[in-house]
């Protein structure tokens, strides 16, 4: 009898997840101002910075349907004071971009979209400074590989600054929910439909530092972006990038090892996804030519949000060093 009720309960939850669409939260005015992020800034400078950033996620430690160019708002003004042009985009499947399903999301596709954007903006032959975070780190690595191998349509990369990303699969520790979603098979679509604000905020909070937690309003902003265009339903597909990192490790780490492009890392050392000291020791061993900025001990996976002043200063010091 007890087993019968358990089976009915599981079936009911599954049917509820599939057939009960939950409307997304309403976009707040501050979010509505971000869908187009391309600004001209400092007079007298010809420098361009392209941000490959990520923000909110459903499990912590990577953008999963919630990355939004608005995530760079904390450092945007500082960048416009230094650079002639500051550009940010939402990758396909993230933020305010289209989130097609079914769709085979890949780092290669995202890199091609970035190249197409640069061409569209008429910057094909301009030197581009890349500033990236986590998922964006991997896209930047693919762009760097294409640039170093002189691939047709590749971006002319002037510098690359990485931050808190799974650059090395061997020191990357996805959150439990990420592991379930990326390898859950038929179970994954059910879990994505059952995901709610409570589980989202709990998972995301685990990868912020104890003194740098987002406010309730900020959590709602992030969750709203996740739900835009049903982004929560493509999380399992997007998370295949974790498997792609393992498969193409030699290609993407090799691009960093062989490049002559100025390279820098900004690192929040409390990050449970790319933990200290394991990640940093490997980074310095494999990429001794790269410079590194380690932020305060309490800064975790999202340094650009948790310590925007420290992050911006570290980046500008790097840019002004060459």
Protein backbone atom coordinates (compact mmCIF):
# COMPACT_ATOMS: atom_id res chain seq x y z
CA UNK A 1 0.00 0.00 0.00
CA UNK A 2 2.78 2.40 0.97
CA UNK A 3 4.71 1.68 -2.23
CA UNK A 4 1.56 2.31 -4.26
CA UNK A 5 1.13 5.78 -2.76
CA UNK A 6 4.80 6.57 -3.39
CA UNK A 7 4.40 5.65 -7.04
CA UNK A 8 1.26 7.79 -7.37
CA UNK A 9 3.04 10.68 -5.69
CA UNK A 10 6.02 10.51 -8.02
CA UNK A 11 3.75 10.29 -11.06
CA UNK A 12 1.72 13.28 -9.86
CA UNK A 13 4.83 15.39 -9.38
CA UNK A 14 6.06 14.46 -12.85
CA UNK A 15 2.73 15.31 -14.48
CA UNK A 16 2.55 18.56 -12.55
CA UNK A 17 6.01 19.54 -13.72
CA UNK A 18 5.19 18.82 -17.35
CA UNK A 19 1.67 20.18 -17.63
CA UNK A 20 1.56 23.09 -15.16
CA UNK A 21 3.44 26.02 -16.70
CA UNK A 22 4.50 28.57 -14.09
CA UNK A 23 4.54 32.12 -15.50
CA UNK A 24 7.89 33.91 -15.26
CA UNK A 25 8.29 36.88 -12.90
CA UNK A 26 7.77 40.35 -14.34
CA UNK A 27 10.86 42.17 -15.55
CA UNK A 28 11.90 45.08 -13.37
CA UNK A 29 12.65 48.49 -14.98
CA UNK A 30 16.37 48.20 -14.22
CA UNK A 31 16.55 44.94 -16.15
CA UNK A 32 14.64 46.34 -19.11
CA UNK A 33 17.43 48.85 -19.71
CA UNK A 34 20.05 46.13 -20.32
CA UNK A 35 19.04 44.09 -23.41
CA UNK A 36 21.36 46.20 -25.58
CA UNK A 37 24.78 46.74 -24.04
CA UNK A 38 27.18 48.60 -26.32
CA UNK A 39 28.50 51.92 -25.05
CA UNK A 40 31.01 54.47 -26.20
CA UNK A 41 33.15 55.75 -23.38
CA UNK A 42 36.48 57.48 -22.88
CA UNK A 43 37.32 60.30 -25.24
CA UNK A 44 40.81 60.05 -26.69
CA UNK A 45 41.01 56.27 -26.34
CA UNK A 46 40.63 53.81 -29.18
CA UNK A 47 40.63 50.75 -26.93
CA UNK A 48 37.76 48.27 -27.04
CA UNK A 49 36.75 45.77 -24.36
CA UNK A 50 34.36 42.90 -25.00
CA UNK A 51 32.87 41.26 -21.93
CA UNK A 52 32.11 37.55 -22.01
CA UNK A 53 30.42 37.52 -18.65
CA UNK A 54 27.95 35.44 -16.73
CA UNK A 55 25.80 36.05 -13.74
CA UNK A 56 22.95 34.03 -12.30
CA UNK A 57 22.65 30.26 -12.40
CA UNK A 58 20.45 27.50 -11.10
CA UNK A 59 23.00 25.51 -9.22
CA UNK A 60 25.99 27.68 -8.55
CA UNK A 61 29.23 28.07 -10.37
CA UNK A 62 28.16 28.56 -13.95
CA UNK A 63 25.67 30.43 -16.02
CA UNK A 64 22.72 28.21 -16.77
CA UNK A 65 20.04 30.09 -18.62
CA UNK A 66 20.55 33.18 -16.48
CA UNK A 67 23.65 34.89 -17.76
CA UNK A 68 22.85 38.48 -18.51
CA UNK A 69 24.92 41.39 -19.76
CA UNK A 70 23.42 43.28 -16.81
CA UNK A 71 25.76 41.25 -14.63
CA UNK A 72 28.59 43.62 -15.53
CA UNK A 73 26.69 46.72 -14.40
CA UNK A 74 28.81 47.00 -11.25
CA UNK A 75 31.97 47.62 -13.30
CA UNK A 76 30.39 49.16 -16.41
CA UNK A 77 30.91 52.81 -15.51
CA UNK A 78 34.55 52.25 -14.59
CA UNK A 79 35.18 50.50 -17.89
CA UNK A 80 33.58 53.31 -19.92
CA UNK A 81 35.95 55.78 -18.26
CA UNK A 82 38.94 53.82 -19.57
CA UNK A 83 37.79 52.32 -22.87
CA UNK A 84 36.49 53.98 -25.99
CA UNK A 85 33.95 51.21 -26.47
CA UNK A 86 32.54 48.68 -24.00
CA UNK A 87 30.51 45.75 -25.36
CA UNK A 88 28.63 42.98 -23.57
CA UNK A 89 26.34 40.31 -24.94
CA UNK A 90 24.06 37.54 -23.79
CA UNK A 91 25.03 34.20 -25.27
CA UNK A 92 22.32 32.19 -26.97
CA UNK A 93 20.36 30.39 -24.25
CA UNK A 94 21.20 33.08 -21.69
CA UNK A 95 19.84 36.38 -20.41
CA UNK A 96 17.58 38.16 -22.89
CA UNK A 97 18.78 36.16 -25.90
CA UNK A 98 16.80 33.44 -27.64
CA UNK A 99 16.72 30.13 -25.75
CA UNK A 100 15.77 27.58 -28.41
CA UNK A 101 14.81 24.02 -27.47
CA UNK A 102 15.59 21.43 -28.42
CA UNK A 103 19.01 22.74 -29.33
CA UNK A 104 22.57 21.47 -29.10
CA UNK A 105 24.30 24.28 -27.22
CA UNK A 106 28.06 24.40 -27.64
CA UNK A 107 31.05 26.59 -26.87
CA UNK A 108 31.93 26.51 -30.57
CA UNK A 109 28.58 28.03 -31.50
CA UNK A 110 28.92 30.73 -28.85
CA UNK A 111 32.38 31.66 -30.14
CA UNK A 112 31.02 31.93 -33.68
CA UNK A 113 28.24 34.21 -32.44
CA UNK A 114 30.81 36.47 -30.78
CA UNK A 115 32.80 36.64 -34.02
CA UNK A 116 29.62 37.48 -35.94
CA UNK A 117 28.80 40.25 -33.46
CA UNK A 118 32.25 41.79 -33.89
CA UNK A 119 31.82 41.74 -37.68
CA UNK A 120 28.32 43.21 -37.36
CA UNK A 121 29.67 46.09 -35.29
CA UNK A 122 32.33 46.80 -37.90
CA UNK A 123 35.19 45.87 -35.57
CA UNK A 124 36.60 42.98 -37.58
CA UNK A 125 40.07 44.52 -37.87
CA UNK A 126 40.15 46.28 -34.52
CA UNK A 127 42.17 45.06 -31.53
CA UNK A 128 39.76 43.61 -28.96
CA UNK A 129 40.43 43.18 -25.24
CA UNK A 130 38.50 40.18 -23.88
CA UNK A 131 37.31 40.21 -20.27
CA UNK A 132 35.63 36.94 -19.33
CA UNK A 133 34.16 34.96 -16.46
CA UNK A 134 33.55 31.19 -16.02
CA UNK A 135 31.43 30.06 -19.02
CA UNK A 136 32.79 33.10 -20.84
CA UNK A 137 36.34 31.92 -20.03
CA UNK A 138 35.79 28.83 -22.15
CA UNK A 139 34.31 30.85 -25.01
CA UNK A 140 37.35 33.13 -24.79
CA UNK A 141 39.67 30.11 -24.93
CA UNK A 142 38.01 28.95 -28.14
CA UNK A 143 38.28 32.47 -29.60
CA UNK A 144 41.95 32.51 -28.63
CA UNK A 145 42.53 29.15 -30.32
CA UNK A 146 40.99 30.48 -33.54
CA UNK A 147 43.03 33.68 -33.36
CA UNK A 148 46.33 31.86 -32.74
CA UNK A 149 45.63 29.51 -35.65
CA UNK A 150 44.61 32.39 -37.93
CA UNK A 151 41.16 30.99 -38.57
CA UNK A 152 38.93 32.86 -41.03
CA UNK A 153 36.74 35.37 -39.22
CA UNK A 154 38.68 35.20 -35.98
CA UNK A 155 38.80 38.19 -33.63
CA UNK A 156 41.99 40.26 -33.42
CA UNK A 157 42.64 39.70 -29.70
CA UNK A 158 44.73 42.36 -27.96
CA UNK A 159 44.56 40.87 -24.46
CA UNK A 160 42.65 38.31 -22.42
CA UNK A 161 41.64 38.50 -18.77
CA UNK A 162 40.00 35.42 -17.24
CA UNK A 163 38.19 35.11 -13.91
CA UNK A 164 36.97 32.17 -11.80
CA UNK A 165 36.23 29.68 -14.54
CA UNK A 166 36.66 25.96 -15.07
CA UNK A 167 39.74 26.48 -17.20
CA UNK A 168 41.11 23.12 -16.07
CA UNK A 169 38.54 20.30 -15.90
CA UNK A 170 40.69 18.50 -13.34
CA UNK A 171 40.27 21.32 -10.79
CA UNK A 172 36.65 22.15 -11.62
CA UNK A 173 34.02 20.85 -9.20
CA UNK A 174 30.46 21.33 -10.51
CA UNK A 175 27.69 21.66 -7.95
CA UNK A 176 25.58 18.60 -7.21
CA UNK A 177 22.55 19.92 -9.08
CA UNK A 178 24.73 20.62 -12.11
CA UNK A 179 25.93 17.02 -12.19
CA UNK A 180 22.36 15.75 -12.00
CA UNK A 181 21.09 18.05 -14.72
CA UNK A 182 23.88 17.47 -17.22
CA UNK A 183 23.74 13.68 -16.93
CA UNK A 184 20.17 13.14 -15.73
CA UNK A 185 18.72 11.92 -19.03
CA UNK A 186 14.91 11.91 -18.98
CA UNK A 187 14.94 13.16 -15.39
CA UNK A 188 16.60 16.47 -16.26
CA UNK A 189 13.61 18.10 -18.05
CA UNK A 190 11.44 17.31 -15.04
CA UNK A 191 13.91 18.87 -12.62
CA UNK A 192 14.23 22.02 -14.72
CA UNK A 193 10.45 22.47 -14.70
CA UNK A 194 10.30 22.00 -10.93
CA UNK A 195 13.07 24.52 -10.26
CA UNK A 196 11.79 27.49 -8.27
CA UNK A 197 13.08 30.68 -6.69
CA UNK A 198 13.82 29.05 -3.33
CA UNK A 199 16.12 26.35 -4.74
CA UNK A 200 17.63 28.82 -7.19
CA UNK A 201 18.59 31.34 -4.51
CA UNK A 202 19.88 28.66 -2.14
CA UNK A 203 22.10 27.16 -4.85
CA UNK A 204 23.39 30.52 -6.00
CA UNK A 205 24.09 31.75 -2.49
CA UNK A 206 26.41 28.78 -1.93
CA UNK A 207 28.91 30.19 -4.42
CA UNK A 208 28.93 33.74 -3.04
CA UNK A 209 31.10 34.70 -0.11
CA UNK A 210 29.56 34.98 3.38
CA UNK A 211 29.86 38.80 3.41
CA UNK A 212 28.95 39.39 -0.23
CA UNK A 213 25.58 37.65 -0.55
CA UNK A 214 23.12 39.19 -3.02
CA UNK A 215 20.10 40.97 -1.60
CA UNK A 216 16.65 39.44 -1.95
CA UNK A 217 15.89 41.94 -4.70
CA UNK A 218 19.06 40.96 -6.56
CA UNK A 219 18.16 37.27 -6.31
CA UNK A 220 14.78 38.06 -7.82
CA UNK A 221 16.43 40.02 -10.64
CA UNK A 222 18.65 37.02 -11.42
CA UNK A 223 15.76 34.57 -11.23
CA UNK A 224 13.67 36.78 -13.51
CA UNK A 225 16.42 36.72 -16.13
CA UNK A 226 16.67 32.93 -15.82
CA UNK A 227 12.93 32.60 -16.46
CA UNK A 228 12.95 35.01 -19.42
CA UNK A 229 12.15 33.10 -22.63
CA UNK A 230 11.81 29.90 -20.52
CA UNK A 231 15.54 29.80 -19.83
CA UNK A 232 15.04 27.35 -16.98
CA UNK A 233 14.00 24.72 -19.53
CA UNK A 234 17.33 24.76 -21.39
CA UNK A 235 19.60 24.43 -18.35
CA UNK A 236 20.35 20.75 -18.90
CA UNK A 237 21.29 21.39 -22.53
CA UNK A 238 23.57 24.32 -21.72
CA UNK A 239 25.35 22.35 -19.00
CA UNK A 240 26.85 20.09 -21.63
CA UNK A 241 29.65 22.66 -21.74
CA UNK A 242 31.11 20.86 -18.70
CA UNK A 243 31.52 17.72 -20.78
CA UNK A 244 32.84 19.79 -23.69
CA UNK A 245 35.56 21.21 -21.43
CA UNK A 246 36.80 17.71 -20.70
CA UNK A 247 36.60 16.58 -24.31
CA UNK A 248 38.43 19.63 -25.71
CA UNK A 249 40.77 20.23 -22.79
CA UNK A 250 43.94 20.04 -24.89
CA UNK A 251 42.57 22.48 -27.45
CA UNK A 252 41.44 25.11 -24.96
CA UNK A 253 44.20 24.85 -22.36
CA UNK A 254 46.68 24.57 -25.22
CA UNK A 255 45.46 27.91 -26.59
CA UNK A 256 46.37 29.58 -23.29
CA UNK A 257 49.74 27.84 -23.09
CA UNK A 258 50.88 28.82 -26.57
CA UNK A 259 49.54 32.34 -26.86
CA UNK A 260 51.63 35.49 -27.07
CA UNK A 261 48.60 37.60 -26.12
CA UNK A 262 48.92 39.33 -22.70
CA UNK A 263 47.12 37.07 -20.24
CA UNK A 264 45.77 37.78 -16.76
CA UNK A 265 43.63 36.06 -14.12
CA UNK A 266 41.44 37.75 -11.51
CA UNK A 267 40.56 35.20 -8.84
CA UNK A 268 38.19 35.04 -5.91
CA UNK A 269 39.91 32.45 -3.65
CA UNK A 270 36.83 31.31 -1.70
CA UNK A 271 35.33 29.78 -4.85
CA UNK A 272 34.10 26.21 -4.12
CA UNK A 273 33.82 25.45 -7.84
CA UNK A 274 37.46 26.29 -8.64
CA UNK A 275 38.93 25.94 -5.13
CA UNK A 276 42.01 27.48 -3.63
CA UNK A 277 44.83 26.55 -3.55
CA UNK A 278 44.36 23.67 -5.98
CA UNK A 279 43.14 25.74 -8.92
CA UNK A 280 45.61 28.59 -8.47
CA UNK A 281 48.61 26.29 -8.06
CA UNK A 282 47.78 24.51 -11.31
CA UNK A 283 47.13 27.80 -13.12
CA UNK A 284 50.52 29.20 -12.14
CA UNK A 285 52.26 25.95 -13.03
CA UNK A 286 50.67 25.57 -16.45
CA UNK A 287 50.57 29.29 -17.34
CA UNK A 288 53.66 30.86 -15.73
CA UNK A 289 53.66 33.72 -18.24
CA UNK A 290 50.25 34.92 -17.02
CA UNK A 291 49.91 37.60 -14.37
CA UNK A 292 47.47 36.99 -11.49
CA UNK A 293 45.38 39.12 -9.14
CA UNK A 294 44.01 37.33 -6.07
CA UNK A 295 41.23 39.24 -4.33
CA UNK A 296 40.39 39.21 -0.61
CA UNK A 297 39.97 35.87 1.12
CA UNK A 298 36.18 36.22 1.44
CA UNK A 299 35.57 36.78 -2.29
CA UNK A 300 34.13 33.72 -4.01
CA UNK A 301 32.96 32.70 -7.49
CA UNK A 302 31.57 36.05 -8.69
CA UNK A 303 34.38 38.56 -8.04
CA UNK A 304 32.96 41.14 -10.46
CA UNK A 305 29.79 41.27 -8.35
CA UNK A 306 31.24 40.62 -4.91
CA UNK A 307 34.13 43.08 -5.13
CA UNK A 308 33.56 45.31 -8.17
CA UNK A 309 36.10 47.91 -7.04
CA UNK A 310 38.84 45.34 -6.45
CA UNK A 311 37.96 43.56 -9.68
CA UNK A 312 38.00 46.76 -11.73
CA UNK A 313 41.27 47.98 -10.22
CA UNK A 314 42.92 44.62 -10.90
CA UNK A 315 41.74 44.67 -14.50
CA UNK A 316 42.78 48.26 -15.20
CA UNK A 317 46.20 47.63 -13.66
CA UNK A 318 46.60 44.73 -16.08
CA UNK A 319 45.44 46.78 -19.09
CA UNK A 320 47.75 49.65 -18.22
CA UNK A 321 50.74 47.33 -17.85
CA UNK A 322 51.34 46.77 -21.57
